[in-house]
C-alpha atoms as a PDB file:
ATOM      1  CA  MET A   1      93.969  86.328  77.041  1.00  0.00           C
ATOM      2  CA  THR A   2      94.857  88.996  74.497  1.00  0.00           C
ATOM      3  CA  GLU A   3      97.408  88.491  71.721  1.00  0.00           C
ATOM      4  CA  GLU A   4      99.652  91.044  73.436  1.00  0.00           C
ATOM      5  CA  GLN A   5      99.658  89.041  76.666  1.00  0.00           C
ATOM      6  CA  ALA A   6     100.257  85.818  74.780  1.00  0.00           C
ATOM      7  CA  GLY A   7     103.339  87.424  73.145  1.00  0.00           C
ATOM      8  CA  ASP A   8     106.320  89.100  74.774  1.00  0.00           C
ATOM      9  CA  ALA A   9     104.450  91.717  76.804  1.00  0.00           C
ATOM     10  CA  PRO A  10     104.611  91.096  80.573  1.00  0.00           C
ATOM     11  CA  ASP A  11     101.515  90.269  82.549  1.00  0.00           C
ATOM     12  CA  PRO A  12      99.967  93.272  84.286  1.00  0.00           C
ATOM     13  CA  LEU A  13     101.097  93.942  87.833  1.00  0.00           C
ATOM     14  CA  VAL A  14      98.540  92.895  90.464  1.00  0.00           C
ATOM     15  CA  SER A  15      98.410  94.042  94.089  1.00  0.00           C
ATOM     16  CA  VAL A  16      96.721  91.620  96.487  1.00  0.00           C
ATOM     17  CA  VAL A  17      95.392  93.260  99.660  1.00  0.00           C
ATOM     18  CA  VAL A  18      94.563  91.211 102.754  1.00  0.00           C
ATOM     19  CA  VAL A  19      92.829  93.144 105.546  1.00  0.00           C
ATOM     20  CA  THR A  20      93.201  91.457 108.904  1.00  0.00           C
ATOM     21  CA  TYR A  21      92.766  91.681 112.654  1.00  0.00           C
ATOM     22  CA  ASN A  22      94.003  89.112 115.198  1.00  0.00           C
ATOM     23  CA  SER A  23      94.302  86.363 112.597  1.00  0.00           C
ATOM     24  CA  ALA A  24      97.421  84.577 113.821  1.00  0.00           C
ATOM     25  CA  GLY A  25      95.577  81.267 113.565  1.00  0.00           C
ATOM     26  CA  THR A  26      94.589  81.690 109.924  1.00  0.00           C
ATOM     27  CA  VAL A  27      96.642  84.273 108.046  1.00  0.00           C
ATOM     28  CA  GLY A  28      99.506  81.846 107.434  1.00  0.00           C
ATOM     29  CA  GLU A  29      97.217  79.595 105.413  1.00  0.00           C
ATOM     30  CA  THR A  30      96.023  82.590 103.411  1.00  0.00           C
ATOM     31  CA  LEU A  31      99.533  83.824 102.626  1.00  0.00           C
ATOM     32  CA  SER A  32     100.756  80.310 101.870  1.00  0.00           C
ATOM     33  CA  SER A  33      98.069  79.940  99.221  1.00  0.00           C
ATOM     34  CA  LEU A  34      98.985  83.330  97.765  1.00  0.00           C
ATOM     35  CA  SER A  35     102.650  82.329  97.572  1.00  0.00           C
ATOM     36  CA  GLU A  36     101.780  79.336  95.381  1.00  0.00           C
ATOM     37  CA  GLN A  37     100.159  81.219  92.505  1.00  0.00           C
ATOM     38  CA  THR A  38     100.789  80.216  88.907  1.00  0.00           C
ATOM     39  CA  TYR A  39     100.868  83.946  88.095  1.00  0.00           C
ATOM     40  CA  PRO A  40     104.487  85.147  87.671  1.00  0.00           C
ATOM     41  CA  ASP A  41     106.112  85.938  91.010  1.00  0.00           C
ATOM     42  CA  ASP A  42     107.459  89.266  89.778  1.00  0.00           C
ATOM     43  CA  ARG A  43     104.054  90.416  88.544  1.00  0.00           C
ATOM     44  CA  TYR A  44     102.158  90.481  91.834  1.00  0.00           C
ATOM     45  CA  GLU A  45     102.653  91.818  95.327  1.00  0.00           C
ATOM     46  CA  VAL A  46     100.895  90.986  98.598  1.00  0.00           C
ATOM     47  CA  VAL A  47      99.987  93.736 101.058  1.00  0.00           C
ATOM     48  CA  VAL A  48      98.595  92.919 104.513  1.00  0.00           C
ATOM     49  CA  VAL A  49      96.805  95.755 106.286  1.00  0.00           C
ATOM     50  CA  ASP A  50      96.235  95.169 109.993  1.00  0.00           C
ATOM     51  CA  GLY A  51      93.649  96.951 112.122  1.00  0.00           C
ATOM     52  CA  GLY A  52      95.770  96.837 115.273  1.00  0.00           C
ATOM     53  CA  SER A  53      96.142  93.162 116.198  1.00  0.00           C
ATOM     54  CA  ASP A  54      97.438  92.218 119.629  1.00  0.00           C
ATOM     55  CA  ASP A  55      98.280  88.595 118.775  1.00  0.00           C
ATOM     56  CA  ASP A  56     101.062  87.077 116.632  1.00  0.00           C
ATOM     57  CA  THR A  57      99.629  88.181 113.299  1.00  0.00           C
ATOM     58  CA  GLU A  58     102.595  90.440 112.452  1.00  0.00           C
ATOM     59  CA  ARG A  59     105.139  87.741 113.291  1.00  0.00           C
ATOM     60  CA  ILE A  60     103.411  85.206 111.056  1.00  0.00           C
ATOM     61  CA  VAL A  61     103.063  87.668 108.184  1.00  0.00           C
ATOM     62  CA  GLY A  62     106.808  88.286 108.513  1.00  0.00           C
ATOM     63  CA  GLU A  63     107.443  84.684 107.466  1.00  0.00           C
ATOM     64  CA  TYR A  64     106.077  85.459 104.000  1.00  0.00           C
ATOM     65  CA  ASP A  65     106.961  87.802 101.173  1.00  0.00           C
ATOM     66  CA  ALA A  66     104.297  90.351 102.025  1.00  0.00           C
ATOM     67  CA  GLY A  67     104.200  93.975 103.056  1.00  0.00           C
ATOM     68  CA  PHE A  68     102.729  94.682 106.482  1.00  0.00           C
ATOM     69  CA  HIS A  69     100.944  97.919 107.365  1.00  0.00           C
ATOM     70  CA  VAL A  70      99.092  98.867 110.552  1.00  0.00           C
ATOM     71  CA  VAL A  71      96.101 101.191 110.689  1.00  0.00           C
ATOM     72  CA  ASP A  72      95.638 101.020 114.435  1.00  0.00           C
ATOM     73  CA  GLY A  73      91.950 100.981 115.296  1.00  0.00           C
ATOM     74  CA  GLY A  74      91.012 101.568 111.675  1.00  0.00           C
ATOM     75  CA  THR A  75      87.719 100.400 110.258  1.00  0.00           C
ATOM     76  CA  ILE A  76      87.654  97.732 107.577  1.00  0.00           C
ATOM     77  CA  GLY A  77      86.844 100.408 105.020  1.00  0.00           C
ATOM     78  CA  ALA A  78      89.813 102.510 106.139  1.00  0.00           C
ATOM     79  CA  CYS A  79      92.126  99.505 106.001  1.00  0.00           C
ATOM     80  CA  ARG A  80      90.938  98.595 102.508  1.00  0.00           C
ATOM     81  CA  ASN A  81      91.596 102.161 101.377  1.00  0.00           C
ATOM     82  CA  HIS A  82      95.070 102.055 102.902  1.00  0.00           C
ATOM     83  CA  GLY A  83      95.748  98.894 100.925  1.00  0.00           C
ATOM     84  CA  VAL A  84      94.640 100.646  97.748  1.00  0.00           C
ATOM     85  CA  ASP A  85      96.909 103.613  98.589  1.00  0.00           C
ATOM     86  CA  THR A  86      99.956 101.361  98.904  1.00  0.00           C
ATOM     87  CA  ALA A  87      99.143  99.238  95.845  1.00  0.00           C
ATOM     88  CA  ASP A  88     101.291  99.596  92.739  1.00  0.00           C
ATOM     89  CA  GLY A  89      99.293  97.252  90.517  1.00  0.00           C
ATOM     90  CA  ALA A  90      97.118  97.963  87.495  1.00  0.00           C
ATOM     91  CA  TYR A  91      94.666  95.650  89.255  1.00  0.00           C
ATOM     92  CA  VAL A  92      93.902  95.312  92.973  1.00  0.00           C
ATOM     93  CA  ALA A  93      92.656  92.010  94.394  1.00  0.00           C
ATOM     94  CA  PHE A  94      91.200  91.395  97.845  1.00  0.00           C
ATOM     95  CA  THR A  95      90.837  88.232  99.883  1.00  0.00           C
ATOM     96  CA  ASP A  96      90.252  87.658 103.600  1.00  0.00           C
ATOM     97  CA  SER A  97      92.769  86.447 106.173  1.00  0.00           C
ATOM     98  CA  ASP A  98      90.685  83.343 106.880  1.00  0.00           C
ATOM     99  CA  CYS A  99      90.549  82.306 103.218  1.00  0.00           C
ATOM    100  CA  ALA A 100      92.692  80.128 100.981  1.00  0.00           C
ATOM    101  CA  VAL A 101      92.821  80.784  97.258  1.00  0.00           C
ATOM    102  CA  PRO A 102      93.581  78.216  94.527  1.00  0.00           C
ATOM    103  CA  ALA A 103      96.922  78.351  92.711  1.00  0.00           C
ATOM    104  CA  THR A 104      95.212  79.596  89.547  1.00  0.00           C
ATOM    105  CA  TRP A 105      93.307  82.378  91.336  1.00  0.00           C
ATOM    106  CA  LEU A 106      95.176  85.425  90.049  1.00  0.00           C
ATOM    107  CA  ARG A 107      95.698  83.995  86.575  1.00  0.00           C
ATOM    108  CA  SER A 108      91.975  83.272  86.226  1.00  0.00           C
ATOM    109  CA  LEU A 109      90.938  86.716  87.477  1.00  0.00           C
ATOM    110  CA  VAL A 110      93.375  88.585  85.248  1.00  0.00           C
ATOM    111  CA  ASP A 111      92.540  86.547  82.142  1.00  0.00           C
ATOM    112  CA  ARG A 112      88.871  87.343  82.707  1.00  0.00           C
ATOM    113  CA  ILE A 113      89.282  91.107  83.244  1.00  0.00           C
ATOM    114  CA  VAL A 114      91.738  92.008  80.471  1.00  0.00           C
ATOM    115  CA  ASP A 115      89.074  91.541  77.794  1.00  0.00           C
ATOM    116  CA  ALA A 116      86.170  92.905  79.856  1.00  0.00           C
ATOM    117  CA  ASP A 117      84.069  95.852  78.725  1.00  0.00           C
ATOM    118  CA  ASP A 118      84.776  99.307  80.155  1.00  0.00           C
ATOM    119  CA  HIS A 119      81.770  99.210  82.509  1.00  0.00           C
ATOM    120  CA  ILE A 120      83.170  96.161  84.332  1.00  0.00           C
ATOM    121  CA  ALA A 121      84.739  97.337  87.592  1.00  0.00           C
ATOM    122  CA  GLY A 122      86.020  93.921  88.588  1.00  0.00           C
ATOM    123  CA  ILE A 123      85.824  90.147  88.587  1.00  0.00           C
ATOM    124  CA  GLY A 124      84.611  87.924  91.411  1.00  0.00           C
ATOM    125  CA  GLY A 125      83.483  84.443  92.257  1.00  0.00           C
ATOM    126  CA  PRO A 126      82.007  82.274  95.000  1.00  0.00           C
ATOM    127  CA  ASN A 127      83.385  81.350  98.378  1.00  0.00           C
ATOM    128  CA  ARG A 128      83.067  77.782  99.629  1.00  0.00           C
ATOM    129  CA  PRO A 129      83.567  76.142 103.058  1.00  0.00           C
ATOM    130  CA  PHE A 130      86.871  74.468 103.827  1.00  0.00           C
ATOM    131  CA  PRO A 131      86.663  70.660 103.475  1.00  0.00           C
ATOM    132  CA  ASP A 132      87.602  70.236 107.152  1.00  0.00           C
ATOM    133  CA  ASP A 133      85.081  72.741 108.503  1.00  0.00           C
ATOM    134  CA  PRO A 134      82.497  71.304 110.949  1.00  0.00           C
ATOM    135  CA  ALA A 135      79.261  69.925 109.521  1.00  0.00           C
ATOM    136  CA  PHE A 136      77.264  72.853 110.873  1.00  0.00           C
ATOM    137  CA  ALA A 137      79.573  75.368 109.174  1.00  0.00           C
ATOM    138  CA  LYS A 138      79.183  73.503 105.902  1.00  0.00           C
ATOM    139  CA  LEU A 139      75.406  73.527 106.357  1.00  0.00           C
ATOM    140  CA  VAL A 140      75.463  77.295 106.829  1.00  0.00           C
ATOM    141  CA  GLY A 141      77.573  77.623 103.700  1.00  0.00           C
ATOM    142  CA  SER A 142      75.151  75.478 101.740  1.00  0.00           C
ATOM    143  CA  LEU A 143      72.166  77.529 102.917  1.00  0.00           C
ATOM    144  CA  GLN A 144      73.939  80.716 101.872  1.00  0.00           C
ATOM    145  CA  GLY A 145      74.187  79.255  98.395  1.00  0.00           C
ATOM    146  CA  THR A 146      70.414  79.162  98.033  1.00  0.00           C
ATOM    147  CA  VAL A 147      68.168  81.991  96.890  1.00  0.00           C
ATOM    148  CA  PHE A 148      66.535  82.081 100.338  1.00  0.00           C
ATOM    149  CA  GLY A 149      69.746  81.926 102.355  1.00  0.00           C
ATOM    150  CA  SER A 150      71.547  84.534 100.273  1.00  0.00           C
ATOM    151  CA  GLY A 151      68.638  86.903  99.892  1.00  0.00           C
ATOM    152  CA  GLY A 152      69.292  86.609  96.170  1.00  0.00           C
ATOM    153  CA  SER A 153      72.717  88.228  96.525  1.00  0.00           C
ATOM    154  CA  PRO A 154      75.404  86.986  94.133  1.00  0.00           C
ATOM    155  CA  GLN A 155      77.889  87.372  96.974  1.00  0.00           C
ATOM    156  CA  SER A 156      76.811  83.926  98.202  1.00  0.00           C
ATOM    157  CA  HIS A 157      73.917  82.760  96.038  1.00  0.00           C
ATOM    158  CA  ALA A 158      75.056  79.890  93.824  1.00  0.00           C
ATOM    159  CA  ILE A 159      75.275  81.033  90.183  1.00  0.00           C
ATOM    160  CA  ASP A 160      76.139  78.424  87.586  1.00  0.00           C
ATOM    161  CA  ARG A 161      77.326  80.646  84.735  1.00  0.00           C
ATOM    162  CA  VAL A 162      79.405  83.737  84.055  1.00  0.00           C
ATOM    163  CA  ARG A 163      77.165  86.774  84.318  1.00  0.00           C
ATOM    164  CA  GLU A 164      77.133  90.459  85.155  1.00  0.00           C
ATOM    165  CA  VAL A 165      76.154  91.301  88.728  1.00  0.00           C
ATOM    166  CA  ARG A 166      76.004  94.436  90.853  1.00  0.00           C
ATOM    167  CA  SER A 167      78.190  93.131  93.671  1.00  0.00           C
ATOM    168  CA  VAL A 168      80.564  90.317  94.589  1.00  0.00           C
ATOM    169  CA  ALA A 169      82.167  89.204  97.841  1.00  0.00           C
ATOM    170  CA  CYS A 170      85.264  91.191  98.780  1.00  0.00           C
ATOM    171  CA  CYS A 171      87.031  88.000  99.892  1.00  0.00           C
ATOM    172  CA  ASN A 172      87.234  87.038  96.215  1.00  0.00           C
ATOM    173  CA  VAL A 173      87.516  90.028  93.902  1.00  0.00           C
ATOM    174  CA  LEU A 174      89.876  91.722  91.464  1.00  0.00           C
ATOM    175  CA  TYR A 175      89.276  95.424  90.690  1.00  0.00           C
ATOM    176  CA  ASP A 176      90.534  97.539  87.849  1.00  0.00           C
ATOM    177  CA  ALA A 177      92.697  99.976  89.839  1.00  0.00           C
ATOM    178  CA  ALA A 178      91.385 102.854  87.712  1.00  0.00           C
ATOM    179  CA  VAL A 179      88.087 102.588  89.618  1.00  0.00           C
ATOM    180  CA  PHE A 180      89.815 103.831  92.778  1.00  0.00           C
ATOM    181  CA  GLU A 181      90.803 107.095  91.123  1.00  0.00           C
ATOM    182  CA  GLU A 182      87.226 108.269  91.646  1.00  0.00           C
ATOM    183  CA  TYR A 183      85.663 105.841  94.124  1.00  0.00           C
ATOM    184  CA  ARG A 184      86.811 104.499  97.500  1.00  0.00           C
ATOM    185  CA  PHE A 185      85.436 102.433 100.366  1.00  0.00           C
ATOM    186  CA  GLU A 186      83.709 104.482 103.048  1.00  0.00           C
ATOM    187  CA  SER A 187      86.312 104.801 105.794  1.00  0.00           C
ATOM    188  CA  ASP A 188      83.614 105.177 108.479  1.00  0.00           C
ATOM    189  CA  ILE A 189      81.992 101.833 107.672  1.00  0.00           C
ATOM    190  CA  ASN A 190      83.085  98.674 109.415  1.00  0.00           C
ATOM    191  CA  VAL A 191      80.595  96.006 108.365  1.00  0.00           C
ATOM    192  CA  GLY A 192      79.211  95.818 104.839  1.00  0.00           C
ATOM    193  CA  GLU A 193      81.720  98.323 103.487  1.00  0.00           C
ATOM    194  CA  ASP A 194      82.050  96.275 100.298  1.00  0.00           C
ATOM    195  CA  ALA A 195      78.286  96.165  99.701  1.00  0.00           C
ATOM    196  CA  GLU A 196      78.017  99.932 100.199  1.00  0.00           C
ATOM    197  CA  PHE A 197      80.980 100.560  97.885  1.00  0.00           C
ATOM    198  CA  HIS A 198      79.566  98.279  95.202  1.00  0.00           C
ATOM    199  CA  PHE A 199      76.165  99.934  95.508  1.00  0.00           C
ATOM    200  CA  ARG A 200      77.712 103.281  94.643  1.00  0.00           C
ATOM    201  CA  LEU A 201      79.590 101.729  91.740  1.00  0.00           C
ATOM    202  CA  SER A 202      76.391 100.137  90.436  1.00  0.00           C
ATOM    203  CA  GLU A 203      74.572 103.472  90.667  1.00  0.00           C
ATOM    204  CA  ALA A 204      77.328 104.927  88.489  1.00  0.00           C
ATOM    205  CA  GLY A 205      76.741 102.209  85.889  1.00  0.00           C
ATOM    206  CA  TYR A 206      79.505  99.769  86.818  1.00  0.00           C
ATOM    207  CA  ARG A 207      79.037  96.020  87.055  1.00  0.00           C
ATOM    208  CA  PHE A 208      81.092  92.988  88.068  1.00  0.00           C
ATOM    209  CA  LEU A 209      81.590  89.743  86.211  1.00  0.00           C
ATOM    210  CA  PHE A 210      80.846  86.756  88.425  1.00  0.00           C
ATOM    211  CA  ASP A 211      82.637  83.549  87.376  1.00  0.00           C
ATOM    212  CA  PRO A 212      81.497  80.458  89.340  1.00  0.00           C
ATOM    213  CA  ARG A 213      84.729  78.646  88.448  1.00  0.00           C
ATOM    214  CA  ILE A 214      86.892  81.132  90.360  1.00  0.00           C
ATOM    215  CA  ALA A 215      86.182  80.056  93.943  1.00  0.00           C
ATOM    216  CA  VAL A 216      88.024  80.548  97.223  1.00  0.00           C
ATOM    217  CA  SER A 217      87.807  78.534 100.419  1.00  0.00           C
ATOM    218  CA  THR A 218      86.454  80.304 103.466  1.00  0.00           C
ATOM    219  CA  THR A 219      84.543  79.391 106.590  1.00  0.00           C
ATOM    220  CA  SER A 220      81.067  79.865 108.038  1.00  0.00           C
ATOM    221  CA  ARG A 221      82.285  79.028 111.527  1.00  0.00           C
ATOM    222  CA  PRO A 222      80.874  81.806 113.744  1.00  0.00           C
ATOM    223  CA  THR A 223      83.332  81.873 116.630  1.00  0.00           C
ATOM    224  CA  SER A 224      86.976  80.862 117.047  1.00  0.00           C
ATOM    225  CA  GLY A 225      89.273  79.226 114.521  1.00  0.00           C
ATOM    226  CA  ARG A 226      89.449  80.396 110.936  1.00  0.00           C
ATOM    227  CA  SER A 227      86.657  82.953 111.276  1.00  0.00           C
ATOM    228  CA  ALA A 228      88.778  84.956 113.721  1.00  0.00           C
ATOM    229  CA  GLY A 229      90.714  86.168 110.714  1.00  0.00           C
ATOM    230  CA  ARG A 230      87.734  87.547 108.809  1.00  0.00           C
ATOM    231  CA  PRO A 231      87.541  91.294 109.455  1.00  0.00           C
ATOM    232  CA  ALA A 232      83.756  91.524 109.091  1.00  0.00           C
ATOM    233  CA  ARG A 233      83.296  89.023 111.897  1.00  0.00           C
ATOM    234  CA  THR A 234      85.535  90.813 114.371  1.00  0.00           C
ATOM    235  CA  ALA A 235      83.673  94.073 113.980  1.00  0.00           C
ATOM    236  CA  THR A 236      83.013  94.504 117.681  1.00  0.00           C
ATOM    237  CA  ARG A 237      86.754  94.922 118.183  1.00  0.00           C
ATOM    238  CA  TRP A 238      87.061  97.691 115.608  1.00  0.00           C
ATOM    239  CA  ARG A 239      86.307 101.367 116.228  1.00  0.00           C
ATOM    240  CA  ALA A 240      83.366 102.112 113.972  1.00  0.00           C
ATOM    241  CA  SER A 241      79.626 102.087 113.621  1.00  0.00           C
ATOM    242  CA  SER A 242      78.178  98.953 112.098  1.00  0.00           C
ATOM    243  CA  ALA A 243      75.327 100.849 110.425  1.00  0.00           C
ATOM    244  CA  VAL A 244      75.600 100.352 106.675  1.00  0.00           C
ATOM    245  CA  THR A 245      73.632 101.826 103.840  1.00  0.00           C
ATOM    246  CA  GLY A 246      72.634  99.254 101.243  1.00  0.00           C
ATOM    247  CA  SER A 247      74.135  96.215 102.995  1.00  0.00           C
END
């Protein structure tokens, strides 16, 4: 943390964007975890962008202090861009609607990025299975943490130290909002939109800082339950091609 932050200057404003689709069974847990942050309440906002759910997602979101926007039939990339457009923060964070973040999530991300070099586009960390996920889901999560299971990608490959990487998982990331002045997610991409976006950033010389201590809980369950809230896993219900460059 800088001396200015440690003094009387307010913490920077952070916008948290949650892209969702038919996540009535999971989004409440996500928003509950976001409401319990140690980061000052008046220094962050939560924006939920919905791809056109036909379940009770909107009703459940209404129980929390979060904005709700609908991009009916929009791709995940388009919904992420809409979240960026509505964000007022100096930093923009993303998590998924089947995730739960720790109470220190925003504080840890912000403290890491404020002193980062100019070529750092954002901060990210790992995602881990929920403790109550089935054994098979936990096994999948463990395999994804290996070099073989992750394909060497830092998005899931277990890394035991803070290091620069070319990409991080979009369910656990904080961007410098200035990046979006020139770069955006591809609105035509529905699966792997984060990998494609990060590839373009890396080609421009940007990197991410991966901190293994900043983890979120997510699920590897492939069908119903929590995974219904993860946009990338409901892609067949969204209107877009799943062909992705660089994913």
